[in-house]
Amino acid sequence: ADAVTVAALANPTASSWLALRRRAIGGCQGRTVAILGATS
């Protein structure tokens, strides 16, 4: 693992990871996910 890459990605990646793992009921396996603000 590259320390700089991990530090750079942790916060922006955590937002969707937690949303899809902990908030989305039933997860997103086999589903269509729409990302509003996909260029951020």
PDB file of all heavy atoms in Angstrom:
ATOM      1  N   ALA A   1       0.836  -1.210   0.000  1.00  0.00           N
ATOM      2  CA  ALA A   1       0.000   0.000   0.000  1.00  0.00           C
ATOM      3  C   ALA A   1       0.868   1.256   0.000  1.00  0.00           C
ATOM      4  O   ALA A   1       1.888   1.339   0.692  1.00  0.00           O
ATOM      5  CB  ALA A   1      -0.922   0.003   1.210  1.00  0.00           C
ATOM      6  N   ASP A   2       0.456   2.256  -0.794  1.00  0.00           N
ATOM      7  CA  ASP A   2       1.172   3.525  -0.860  1.00  0.00           C
ATOM      8  C   ASP A   2       0.555   4.496   0.147  1.00  0.00           C
ATOM      9  O   ASP A   2      -0.646   4.769   0.095  1.00  0.00           O
ATOM     10  CB  ASP A   2       1.077   4.105  -2.269  1.00  0.00           C
ATOM     11  CG  ASP A   2       1.780   5.441  -2.379  1.00  0.00           C
ATOM     12  OD1 ASP A   2       3.019   5.471  -2.320  1.00  0.00           O
ATOM     13  OD2 ASP A   2       1.070   6.467  -2.502  1.00  0.00           O
ATOM     14  N   ALA A   3       1.364   5.007   1.056  1.00  0.00           N
ATOM     15  CA  ALA A   3       0.858   5.850   2.146  1.00  0.00           C
ATOM     16  C   ALA A   3       0.158   7.102   1.634  1.00  0.00           C
ATOM     17  O   ALA A   3      -0.893   7.498   2.150  1.00  0.00           O
ATOM     18  CB  ALA A   3       2.010   6.239   3.078  1.00  0.00           C
ATOM     19  N   VAL A   4       0.727   7.745   0.620  1.00  0.00           N
ATOM     20  CA  VAL A   4       0.134   8.978   0.088  1.00  0.00           C
ATOM     21  C   VAL A   4      -1.217   8.692  -0.563  1.00  0.00           C
ATOM     22  O   VAL A   4      -2.191   9.430  -0.361  1.00  0.00           O
ATOM     23  CB  VAL A   4       1.102   9.649  -0.910  1.00  0.00           C
ATOM     24  CG1 VAL A   4       0.393  10.776  -1.666  1.00  0.00           C
ATOM     25  CG2 VAL A   4       2.321  10.198  -0.172  1.00  0.00           C
ATOM     26  N   THR A   5      -1.299   7.611  -1.338  1.00  0.00           N
ATOM     27  CA  THR A   5      -2.562   7.263  -1.990  1.00  0.00           C
ATOM     28  C   THR A   5      -3.641   6.950  -0.963  1.00  0.00           C
ATOM     29  O   THR A   5      -4.791   7.391  -1.094  1.00  0.00           O
ATOM     30  CB  THR A   5      -2.372   6.062  -2.934  1.00  0.00           C
ATOM     31  OG1 THR A   5      -1.382   6.396  -3.911  1.00  0.00           O
ATOM     32  CG2 THR A   5      -3.670   5.702  -3.628  1.00  0.00           C
ATOM     33  N   VAL A   6      -3.285   6.197   0.072  1.00  0.00           N
ATOM     34  CA  VAL A   6      -4.254   5.883   1.122  1.00  0.00           C
ATOM     35  C   VAL A   6      -4.738   7.152   1.808  1.00  0.00           C
ATOM     36  O   VAL A   6      -5.935   7.336   2.039  1.00  0.00           O
ATOM     37  CB  VAL A   6      -3.640   4.899   2.149  1.00  0.00           C
ATOM     38  CG1 VAL A   6      -4.556   4.742   3.362  1.00  0.00           C
ATOM     39  CG2 VAL A   6      -3.383   3.547   1.505  1.00  0.00           C
ATOM     40  N   ALA A   7      -3.816   8.046   2.136  1.00  0.00           N
ATOM     41  CA  ALA A   7      -4.198   9.302   2.791  1.00  0.00           C
ATOM     42  C   ALA A   7      -5.085  10.154   1.897  1.00  0.00           C
ATOM     43  O   ALA A   7      -6.028  10.803   2.358  1.00  0.00           O
ATOM     44  CB  ALA A   7      -2.946  10.078   3.187  1.00  0.00           C
ATOM     45  N   ALA A   8      -4.804  10.157   0.601  1.00  0.00           N
ATOM     46  CA  ALA A   8      -5.587  10.964  -0.337  1.00  0.00           C
ATOM     47  C   ALA A   8      -6.987  10.406  -0.545  1.00  0.00           C
ATOM     48  O   ALA A   8      -7.965  11.154  -0.684  1.00  0.00           O
ATOM     49  CB  ALA A   8      -4.862  11.055  -1.678  1.00  0.00           C
ATOM     50  N   LEU A   9      -7.106   9.075  -0.566  1.00  0.00           N
ATOM     51  CA  LEU A   9      -8.373   8.436  -0.913  1.00  0.00           C
ATOM     52  C   LEU A   9      -9.293   8.183   0.271  1.00  0.00           C
ATOM     53  O   LEU A   9     -10.503   7.999   0.091  1.00  0.00           O
ATOM     54  CB  LEU A   9      -8.098   7.101  -1.608  1.00  0.00           C
ATOM     55  CG  LEU A   9      -7.610   7.157  -3.047  1.00  0.00           C
ATOM     56  CD1 LEU A   9      -7.215   5.769  -3.524  1.00  0.00           C
ATOM     57  CD2 LEU A   9      -8.690   7.712  -3.949  1.00  0.00           C
ATOM     58  N   ALA A  10      -8.753   8.155   1.466  1.00  0.00           N
ATOM     59  CA  ALA A  10      -9.530   7.692   2.622  1.00  0.00           C
ATOM     60  C   ALA A  10     -10.833   8.438   2.802  1.00  0.00           C
ATOM     61  O   ALA A  10     -11.908   7.821   2.873  1.00  0.00           O
ATOM     62  CB  ALA A  10      -8.675   7.799   3.884  1.00  0.00           C
ATOM     63  N   ASN A  11     -10.792   9.753   2.907  1.00  0.00           N
ATOM     64  CA  ASN A  11     -12.021  10.502   3.175  1.00  0.00           C
ATOM     65  C   ASN A  11     -13.020  10.460   2.029  1.00  0.00           C
ATOM     66  O   ASN A  11     -14.207  10.148   2.249  1.00  0.00           O
ATOM     67  CB  ASN A  11     -11.689  11.939   3.560  1.00  0.00           C
ATOM     68  CG  ASN A  11     -12.928  12.761   3.832  1.00  0.00           C
ATOM     69  OD1 ASN A  11     -13.372  13.546   2.985  1.00  0.00           O
ATOM     70  ND2 ASN A  11     -13.516  12.583   4.996  1.00  0.00           N
ATOM     71  N   PRO A  12     -12.625  10.762   0.794  1.00  0.00           N
ATOM     72  CA  PRO A  12     -13.628  10.724  -0.284  1.00  0.00           C
ATOM     73  C   PRO A  12     -14.186   9.340  -0.543  1.00  0.00           C
ATOM     74  O   PRO A  12     -15.346   9.199  -0.955  1.00  0.00           O
ATOM     75  CB  PRO A  12     -12.862  11.254  -1.504  1.00  0.00           C
ATOM     76  CG  PRO A  12     -11.427  11.082  -1.181  1.00  0.00           C
ATOM     77  CD  PRO A  12     -11.315  11.245   0.298  1.00  0.00           C
ATOM     78  N   THR A  13     -13.391   8.297  -0.301  1.00  0.00           N
ATOM     79  CA  THR A  13     -13.874   6.938  -0.544  1.00  0.00           C
ATOM     80  C   THR A  13     -14.767   6.455   0.592  1.00  0.00           C
ATOM     81  O   THR A  13     -15.731   5.716   0.375  1.00  0.00           O
ATOM     82  CB  THR A  13     -12.692   5.975  -0.732  1.00  0.00           C
ATOM     83  OG1 THR A  13     -11.825   6.489  -1.751  1.00  0.00           O
ATOM     84  CG2 THR A  13     -13.165   4.597  -1.150  1.00  0.00           C
ATOM     85  N   ALA A  14     -14.466   6.881   1.803  1.00  0.00           N
ATOM     86  CA  ALA A  14     -15.254   6.450   2.959  1.00  0.00           C
ATOM     87  C   ALA A  14     -16.716   6.859   2.838  1.00  0.00           C
ATOM     88  O   ALA A  14     -17.608   6.136   3.301  1.00  0.00           O
ATOM     89  CB  ALA A  14     -14.656   7.019   4.242  1.00  0.00           C
ATOM     90  N   SER A  15     -16.981   8.006   2.212  1.00  0.00           N
ATOM     91  CA  SER A  15     -18.364   8.487   2.151  1.00  0.00           C
ATOM     92  C   SER A  15     -19.273   7.514   1.412  1.00  0.00           C
ATOM     93  O   SER A  15     -20.371   7.178   1.880  1.00  0.00           O
ATOM     94  CB  SER A  15     -18.425   9.874   1.495  1.00  0.00           C
ATOM     95  OG  SER A  15     -18.024   9.819   0.134  1.00  0.00           O
ATOM     96  N   SER A  16     -18.836   7.018   0.267  1.00  0.00           N
ATOM     97  CA  SER A  16     -19.666   6.073  -0.482  1.00  0.00           C
ATOM     98  C   SER A  16     -19.589   4.671   0.109  1.00  0.00           C
ATOM     99  O   SER A  16     -20.579   3.918   0.088  1.00  0.00           O
ATOM    100  CB  SER A  16     -19.262   6.050  -1.956  1.00  0.00           C
ATOM    101  OG  SER A  16     -17.877   5.813  -2.109  1.00  0.00           O
ATOM    102  N   TRP A  17     -18.436   4.295   0.641  1.00  0.00           N
ATOM    103  CA  TRP A  17     -18.301   2.978   1.260  1.00  0.00           C
ATOM    104  C   TRP A  17     -19.295   2.826   2.410  1.00  0.00           C
ATOM    105  O   TRP A  17     -20.032   1.843   2.508  1.00  0.00           O
ATOM    106  CB  TRP A  17     -16.875   2.775   1.755  1.00  0.00           C
ATOM    107  CG  TRP A  17     -16.629   1.441   2.410  1.00  0.00           C
ATOM    108  CD1 TRP A  17     -16.800   1.131   3.732  1.00  0.00           C
ATOM    109  CD2 TRP A  17     -16.188   0.235   1.768  1.00  0.00           C
ATOM    110  NE1 TRP A  17     -16.488  -0.181   3.961  1.00  0.00           N
ATOM    111  CE2 TRP A  17     -16.110  -0.764   2.774  1.00  0.00           C
ATOM    112  CE3 TRP A  17     -15.838  -0.098   0.457  1.00  0.00           C
ATOM    113  CZ2 TRP A  17     -15.703  -2.065   2.502  1.00  0.00           C
ATOM    114  CZ3 TRP A  17     -15.436  -1.400   0.188  1.00  0.00           C
ATOM    115  CH2 TRP A  17     -15.380  -2.358   1.200  1.00  0.00           C
ATOM    116  N   LEU A  18     -19.344   3.822   3.293  1.00  0.00           N
ATOM    117  CA  LEU A  18     -20.252   3.757   4.435  1.00  0.00           C
ATOM    118  C   LEU A  18     -21.712   3.843   3.989  1.00  0.00           C
ATOM    119  O   LEU A  18     -22.581   3.164   4.540  1.00  0.00           O
ATOM    120  CB  LEU A  18     -19.930   4.871   5.430  1.00  0.00           C
ATOM    121  CG  LEU A  18     -18.592   4.734   6.151  1.00  0.00           C
ATOM    122  CD1 LEU A  18     -18.293   5.984   6.962  1.00  0.00           C
ATOM    123  CD2 LEU A  18     -18.572   3.504   7.055  1.00  0.00           C
ATOM    124  N   ALA A  19     -21.975   4.689   2.988  1.00  0.00           N
ATOM    125  CA  ALA A  19     -23.351   4.825   2.497  1.00  0.00           C
ATOM    126  C   ALA A  19     -23.869   3.512   1.924  1.00  0.00           C
ATOM    127  O   ALA A  19     -25.013   3.109   2.195  1.00  0.00           O
ATOM    128  CB  ALA A  19     -23.424   5.931   1.445  1.00  0.00           C
ATOM    129  N   LEU A  20     -23.043   2.843   1.143  1.00  0.00           N
ATOM    130  CA  LEU A  20     -23.487   1.613   0.478  1.00  0.00           C
ATOM    131  C   LEU A  20     -23.385   0.385   1.380  1.00  0.00           C
ATOM    132  O   LEU A  20     -24.142  -0.577   1.204  1.00  0.00           O
ATOM    133  CB  LEU A  20     -22.683   1.391  -0.800  1.00  0.00           C
ATOM    134  CG  LEU A  20     -22.927   2.431  -1.900  1.00  0.00           C
ATOM    135  CD1 LEU A  20     -21.983   2.212  -3.067  1.00  0.00           C
ATOM    136  CD2 LEU A  20     -24.377   2.398  -2.379  1.00  0.00           C
ATOM    137  N   ARG A  21     -22.486   0.426   2.344  1.00  0.00           N
ATOM    138  CA  ARG A  21     -22.329  -0.709   3.246  1.00  0.00           C
ATOM    139  C   ARG A  21     -23.255  -0.615   4.454  1.00  0.00           C
ATOM    140  O   ARG A  21     -23.753  -1.642   4.931  1.00  0.00           O
ATOM    141  CB  ARG A  21     -20.881  -0.779   3.728  1.00  0.00           C
ATOM    142  CG  ARG A  21     -19.886  -1.269   2.691  1.00  0.00           C
ATOM    143  CD  ARG A  21     -19.813  -2.766   2.651  1.00  0.00           C
ATOM    144  NE  ARG A  21     -19.360  -3.324   3.930  1.00  0.00           N
ATOM    145  CZ  ARG A  21     -19.385  -4.613   4.223  1.00  0.00           C
ATOM    146  NH1 ARG A  21     -19.856  -5.486   3.355  1.00  0.00           N
ATOM    147  NH2 ARG A  21     -18.938  -5.052   5.403  1.00  0.00           N
ATOM    148  N   ARG A  22     -23.491   0.608   4.955  1.00  0.00           N
ATOM    149  CA  ARG A  22     -24.204   0.756   6.213  1.00  0.00           C
ATOM    150  C   ARG A  22     -25.572   1.421   6.097  1.00  0.00           C
ATOM    151  O   ARG A  22     -26.406   1.258   6.986  1.00  0.00           O
ATOM    152  CB  ARG A  22     -23.330   1.560   7.196  1.00  0.00           C
ATOM    153  CG  ARG A  22     -22.147   0.767   7.713  1.00  0.00           C
ATOM    154  CD  ARG A  22     -22.607  -0.366   8.599  1.00  0.00           C
ATOM    155  NE  ARG A  22     -21.520  -1.272   8.950  1.00  0.00           N
ATOM    156  CZ  ARG A  22     -21.671  -2.306   9.773  1.00  0.00           C
ATOM    157  NH1 ARG A  22     -22.860  -2.552  10.306  1.00  0.00           N
ATOM    158  NH2 ARG A  22     -20.650  -3.102  10.034  1.00  0.00           N
ATOM    159  N   ARG A  23     -25.821   2.140   5.041  1.00  0.00           N
ATOM    160  CA  ARG A  23     -27.102   2.835   4.915  1.00  0.00           C
ATOM    161  C   ARG A  23     -28.006   2.204   3.863  1.00  0.00           C
ATOM    162  O   ARG A  23     -29.213   2.081   4.074  1.00  0.00           O
ATOM    163  CB  ARG A  23     -26.871   4.318   4.585  1.00  0.00           C
ATOM    164  CG  ARG A  23     -26.075   5.066   5.639  1.00  0.00           C
ATOM    165  CD  ARG A  23     -26.766   5.064   6.990  1.00  0.00           C
ATOM    166  NE  ARG A  23     -27.948   5.912   6.988  1.00  0.00           N
ATOM    167  CZ  ARG A  23     -29.037   5.714   7.751  1.00  0.00           C
ATOM    168  NH1 ARG A  23     -29.097   4.652   8.535  1.00  0.00           N
ATOM    169  NH2 ARG A  23     -30.047   6.537   7.692  1.00  0.00           N
ATOM    170  N   ALA A  24     -27.459   1.807   2.739  1.00  0.00           N
ATOM    171  CA  ALA A  24     -28.277   1.180   1.699  1.00  0.00           C
ATOM    172  C   ALA A  24     -28.810  -0.164   2.199  1.00  0.00           C
ATOM    173  O   ALA A  24     -28.037  -1.040   2.582  1.00  0.00           O
ATOM    174  CB  ALA A  24     -27.453   0.979   0.429  1.00  0.00           C
ATOM    175  N   ILE A  25     -30.111  -0.295   2.222  1.00  0.00           N
ATOM    176  CA  ILE A  25     -30.732  -1.517   2.725  1.00  0.00           C
ATOM    177  C   ILE A  25     -30.548  -2.629   1.696  1.00  0.00           C
ATOM    178  O   ILE A  25     -30.982  -2.509   0.552  1.00  0.00           O
ATOM    179  CB  ILE A  25     -32.223  -1.282   3.005  1.00  0.00           C
ATOM    180  CG1 ILE A  25     -32.385  -0.192   4.069  1.00  0.00           C
ATOM    181  CG2 ILE A  25     -32.910  -2.577   3.464  1.00  0.00           C
ATOM    182  CD1 ILE A  25     -33.804   0.290   4.258  1.00  0.00           C
ATOM    183  N   GLY A  26     -29.866  -3.685   2.110  1.00  0.00           N
ATOM    184  CA  GLY A  26     -29.601  -4.785   1.183  1.00  0.00           C
ATOM    185  C   GLY A  26     -28.385  -4.578   0.315  1.00  0.00           C
ATOM    186  O   GLY A  26     -28.107  -5.405  -0.563  1.00  0.00           O
ATOM    187  N   GLY A  27     -27.630  -3.490   0.549  1.00  0.00           N
ATOM    188  CA  GLY A  27     -26.427  -3.236  -0.234  1.00  0.00           C
ATOM    189  C   GLY A  27     -26.728  -2.900  -1.688  1.00  0.00           C
ATOM    190  O   GLY A  27     -27.861  -2.585  -2.054  1.00  0.00           O
ATOM    191  N   CYS A  28     -25.712  -2.964  -2.531  1.00  0.00           N
ATOM    192  CA  CYS A  28     -25.908  -2.584  -3.937  1.00  0.00           C
ATOM    193  C   CYS A  28     -25.604  -3.718  -4.910  1.00  0.00           C
ATOM    194  O   CYS A  28     -25.557  -3.499  -6.119  1.00  0.00           O
ATOM    195  CB  CYS A  28     -25.083  -1.347  -4.287  1.00  0.00           C
ATOM    196  SG  CYS A  28     -23.292  -1.578  -4.233  1.00  0.00           S
ATOM    197  N   GLN A  29     -25.405  -4.922  -4.404  1.00  0.00           N
ATOM    198  CA  GLN A  29     -25.135  -6.067  -5.256  1.00  0.00           C
ATOM    199  C   GLN A  29     -26.248  -6.251  -6.296  1.00  0.00           C
ATOM    200  O   GLN A  29     -27.421  -6.369  -5.959  1.00  0.00           O
ATOM    201  CB  GLN A  29     -25.018  -7.340  -4.419  1.00  0.00           C
ATOM    202  CG  GLN A  29     -24.740  -8.609  -5.209  1.00  0.00           C
ATOM    203  CD  GLN A  29     -23.302  -8.682  -5.691  1.00  0.00           C
ATOM    204  OE1 GLN A  29     -22.382  -8.288  -4.974  1.00  0.00           O
ATOM    205  NE2 GLN A  29     -23.095  -9.179  -6.891  1.00  0.00           N
ATOM    206  N   GLY A  30     -25.871  -6.227  -7.572  1.00  0.00           N
ATOM    207  CA  GLY A  30     -26.828  -6.439  -8.647  1.00  0.00           C
ATOM    208  C   GLY A  30     -27.770  -5.280  -8.906  1.00  0.00           C
ATOM    209  O   GLY A  30     -28.713  -5.411  -9.694  1.00  0.00           O
ATOM    210  N   ARG A  31     -27.506  -4.133  -8.286  1.00  0.00           N
ATOM    211  CA  ARG A  31     -28.406  -2.987  -8.419  1.00  0.00           C
ATOM    212  C   ARG A  31     -27.795  -1.875  -9.267  1.00  0.00           C
ATOM    213  O   ARG A  31     -26.593  -1.862  -9.526  1.00  0.00           O
ATOM    214  CB  ARG A  31     -28.759  -2.439  -7.031  1.00  0.00           C
ATOM    215  CG  ARG A  31     -29.650  -3.376  -6.217  1.00  0.00           C
ATOM    216  CD  ARG A  31     -29.810  -2.886  -4.804  1.00  0.00           C
ATOM    217  NE  ARG A  31     -31.011  -3.425  -4.182  1.00  0.00           N
ATOM    218  CZ  ARG A  31     -31.345  -3.245  -2.913  1.00  0.00           C
ATOM    219  NH1 ARG A  31     -30.551  -2.547  -2.115  1.00  0.00           N
ATOM    220  NH2 ARG A  31     -32.459  -3.758  -2.427  1.00  0.00           N
ATOM    221  N   THR A  32     -28.669  -0.930  -9.658  1.00  0.00           N
ATOM    222  CA  THR A  32     -28.217   0.256 -10.375  1.00  0.00           C
ATOM    223  C   THR A  32     -28.041   1.390  -9.380  1.00  0.00           C
ATOM    224  O   THR A  32     -28.975   1.747  -8.655  1.00  0.00           O
ATOM    225  CB  THR A  32     -29.226   0.672 -11.454  1.00  0.00           C
ATOM    226  OG1 THR A  32     -29.281  -0.345 -12.463  1.00  0.00           O
ATOM    227  CG2 THR A  32     -28.801   1.988 -12.109  1.00  0.00           C
ATOM    228  N   VAL A  33     -26.843   1.948  -9.363  1.00  0.00           N
ATOM    229  CA  VAL A  33     -26.515   3.054  -8.468  1.00  0.00           C
ATOM    230  C   VAL A  33     -26.307   4.316  -9.303  1.00  0.00           C
ATOM    231  O   VAL A  33     -25.505   4.317 -10.247  1.00  0.00           O
ATOM    232  CB  VAL A  33     -25.245   2.753  -7.646  1.00  0.00           C
ATOM    233  CG1 VAL A  33     -24.871   3.954  -6.776  1.00  0.00           C
ATOM    234  CG2 VAL A  33     -25.443   1.505  -6.796  1.00  0.00           C
ATOM    235  N   ALA A  34     -27.033   5.374  -8.972  1.00  0.00           N
ATOM    236  CA  ALA A  34     -26.865   6.669  -9.636  1.00  0.00           C
ATOM    237  C   ALA A  34     -26.096   7.596  -8.708  1.00  0.00           C
ATOM    238  O   ALA A  34     -26.453   7.731  -7.528  1.00  0.00           O
ATOM    239  CB  ALA A  34     -28.219   7.271  -9.984  1.00  0.00           C
ATOM    240  N   ILE A  35     -25.041   8.219  -9.220  1.00  0.00           N
ATOM    241  CA  ILE A  35     -24.187   9.092  -8.420  1.00  0.00           C
ATOM    242  C   ILE A  35     -24.380  10.528  -8.900  1.00  0.00           C
ATOM    243  O   ILE A  35     -23.965  10.887 -10.010  1.00  0.00           O
ATOM    244  CB  ILE A  35     -22.716   8.678  -8.529  1.00  0.00           C
ATOM    245  CG1 ILE A  35     -22.553   7.228  -8.056  1.00  0.00           C
ATOM    246  CG2 ILE A  35     -21.829   9.616  -7.711  1.00  0.00           C
ATOM    247  CD1 ILE A  35     -21.190   6.640  -8.357  1.00  0.00           C
ATOM    248  N   LEU A  36     -25.025  11.328  -8.078  1.00  0.00           N
ATOM    249  CA  LEU A  36     -25.274  12.727  -8.399  1.00  0.00           C
ATOM    250  C   LEU A  36     -24.090  13.547  -7.901  1.00  0.00           C
ATOM    251  O   LEU A  36     -23.837  13.634  -6.695  1.00  0.00           O
ATOM    252  CB  LEU A  36     -26.577  13.190  -7.732  1.00  0.00           C
ATOM    253  CG  LEU A  36     -27.087  14.583  -8.047  1.00  0.00           C
ATOM    254  CD1 LEU A  36     -27.235  14.806  -9.541  1.00  0.00           C
ATOM    255  CD2 LEU A  36     -28.420  14.825  -7.335  1.00  0.00           C
ATOM    256  N   GLY A  37     -23.337  14.112  -8.832  1.00  0.00           N
ATOM    257  CA  GLY A  37     -22.079  14.772  -8.495  1.00  0.00           C
ATOM    258  C   GLY A  37     -20.913  13.840  -8.759  1.00  0.00           C
ATOM    259  O   GLY A  37     -19.935  13.807  -8.005  1.00  0.00           O
ATOM    260  N   ALA A  38     -20.998  13.099  -9.858  1.00  0.00           N
ATOM    261  CA  ALA A  38     -20.009  12.057 -10.149  1.00  0.00           C
ATOM    262  C   ALA A  38     -18.641  12.599 -10.521  1.00  0.00           C
ATOM    263  O   ALA A  38     -17.668  11.837 -10.548  1.00  0.00           O
ATOM    264  CB  ALA A  38     -20.521  11.159 -11.276  1.00  0.00           C
ATOM    265  N   THR A  39     -18.531  13.893 -10.825  1.00  0.00           N
ATOM    266  CA  THR A  39     -17.229  14.446 -11.185  1.00  0.00           C
ATOM    267  C   THR A  39     -16.473  15.007  -9.982  1.00  0.00           C
ATOM    268  O   THR A  39     -15.322  15.415 -10.110  1.00  0.00           O
ATOM    269  CB  THR A  39     -17.374  15.550 -12.249  1.00  0.00           C
ATOM    270  OG1 THR A  39     -18.236  16.573 -11.740  1.00  0.00           O
ATOM    271  CG2 THR A  39     -17.956  14.987 -13.537  1.00  0.00           C
ATOM    272  N   SER A  40     -17.105  15.041  -8.811  1.00  0.00           N
ATOM    273  CA  SER A  40     -16.410  15.463  -7.597  1.00  0.00           C
ATOM    274  C   SER A  40     -15.432  14.369  -7.179  1.00  0.00           C
ATOM    275  O   SER A  40     -15.499  13.231  -7.653  1.00  0.00           O
ATOM    276  CB  SER A  40     -17.416  15.717  -6.473  1.00  0.00           C
ATOM    277  OG  SER A  40     -18.059  14.503  -6.108  1.00  0.00           O
TER     278      SER A  40
END
